[in-house]
Amino acid sequence: MAIRVSLDRVLLKRGITLTDLAERVGITLANLSVLKTNKARAIRFSTLDALCRELDCQPGDLLEWVSREFEEPFTAELEEVDP
């Protein structure tokens, strides 16, 4: 996925554990872990709002767009084109 969640970086800067954040926001530790490990396929705005409120940050502090070119190793083969 081209969107990367930087929750671990923000938690480290704030000195907050994932467990503490889960309790403060009311989101299960398992769901926060899915976000932290970049395995989430979507995030609700209400969840993003709660995280930003509790971490005193902007959505852009948590979410980062990464070009697919740099996300996965390039494995496509070049096709020959006739002139």
Protein backbone atom coordinates (compact mmCIF):
# COMPACT_ATOMS: atom_id res chain seq x y z
CA MET A 1 0.00 0.00 0.00
CA ALA A 2 1.30 3.47 -0.78
CA ILE A 3 0.10 5.02 2.49
CA ARG A 4 2.36 4.38 5.47
CA VAL A 5 1.25 4.91 9.08
CA SER A 6 3.96 6.46 11.24
CA LEU A 7 2.27 5.79 14.57
CA ASP A 8 5.39 4.25 16.11
CA ARG A 9 7.44 7.38 15.39
CA VAL A 10 4.82 9.70 16.92
CA LEU A 11 4.45 7.46 19.98
CA LEU A 12 8.21 7.50 20.50
CA LYS A 13 8.34 11.31 20.26
CA ARG A 14 5.48 11.63 22.78
CA GLY A 15 6.83 8.95 25.13
CA ILE A 16 3.55 7.04 25.02
CA THR A 17 3.20 3.28 24.74
CA LEU A 18 0.74 1.62 22.42
CA THR A 19 -1.06 0.19 25.45
CA ASP A 20 -1.43 3.65 27.02
CA LEU A 21 -2.75 5.08 23.76
CA ALA A 22 -5.25 2.24 23.40
CA GLU A 23 -6.64 2.98 26.86
CA ARG A 24 -6.77 6.75 26.31
CA VAL A 25 -8.46 6.54 22.90
CA GLY A 26 -10.70 3.55 23.56
CA ILE A 27 -9.38 1.50 20.65
CA THR A 28 -8.30 -2.09 21.13
CA LEU A 29 -4.60 -2.79 21.36
CA ALA A 30 -4.99 -5.26 18.49
CA ASN A 31 -6.47 -2.59 16.18
CA LEU A 32 -3.75 -0.09 17.06
CA SER A 33 -1.15 -2.77 16.43
CA VAL A 34 -2.59 -3.32 12.95
CA LEU A 35 -2.22 0.42 12.28
CA LYS A 36 1.29 0.55 13.73
CA THR A 37 2.53 -2.34 11.62
CA ASN A 38 1.04 -0.88 8.42
CA LYS A 39 -1.31 -3.81 7.91
CA ALA A 40 -4.48 -1.70 8.03
CA ARG A 41 -6.37 -1.33 4.75
CA ALA A 42 -8.44 1.66 5.97
CA ILE A 43 -8.90 4.01 8.91
CA ARG A 44 -12.06 5.76 10.03
CA PHE A 45 -11.97 9.52 10.36
CA SER A 46 -13.27 9.14 13.92
CA THR A 47 -10.24 6.96 14.73
CA LEU A 48 -7.87 9.39 13.06
CA ASP A 49 -9.53 12.25 14.97
CA ALA A 50 -9.15 10.43 18.30
CA LEU A 51 -5.49 9.64 17.62
CA CYS A 52 -4.70 13.23 16.61
CA ARG A 53 -6.54 14.60 19.62
CA GLU A 54 -4.74 12.33 22.07
CA LEU A 55 -1.31 12.65 20.45
CA ASP A 56 -1.73 16.40 19.80
CA CYS A 57 -0.74 16.04 16.16
CA GLN A 58 -2.00 16.51 12.64
CA PRO A 59 -3.14 13.66 10.34
CA GLY A 60 -0.03 14.28 8.24
CA ASP A 61 2.11 13.43 11.26
CA LEU A 62 0.58 9.94 11.26
CA LEU A 63 0.06 9.27 7.55
CA GLU A 64 2.64 9.42 4.80
CA TRP A 65 2.30 8.71 1.10
CA VAL A 66 5.12 6.59 -0.28
CA SER A 67 5.62 6.00 -3.99
CA ARG A 68 5.01 2.37 -4.90
CA GLU A 69 8.33 2.55 -6.73
CA PHE A 70 10.12 2.76 -3.37
CA GLU A 71 7.70 0.57 -1.44
CA GLU A 72 8.42 -2.78 -3.06
CA PRO A 73 11.36 -4.06 -5.06
CA PHE A 74 10.96 -3.51 -8.79
CA THR A 75 10.37 -6.89 -10.41
CA ALA A 76 8.63 -6.09 -13.69
CA GLU A 77 10.39 -7.16 -16.85
CA LEU A 78 10.87 -4.75 -19.69
CA GLU A 79 9.01 -5.57 -22.87
CA GLU A 80 10.65 -5.20 -26.23
CA VAL A 81 8.97 -2.63 -28.45
CA ASP A 82 9.19 -2.76 -32.24
CA PRO A 83 10.27 0.57 -33.80
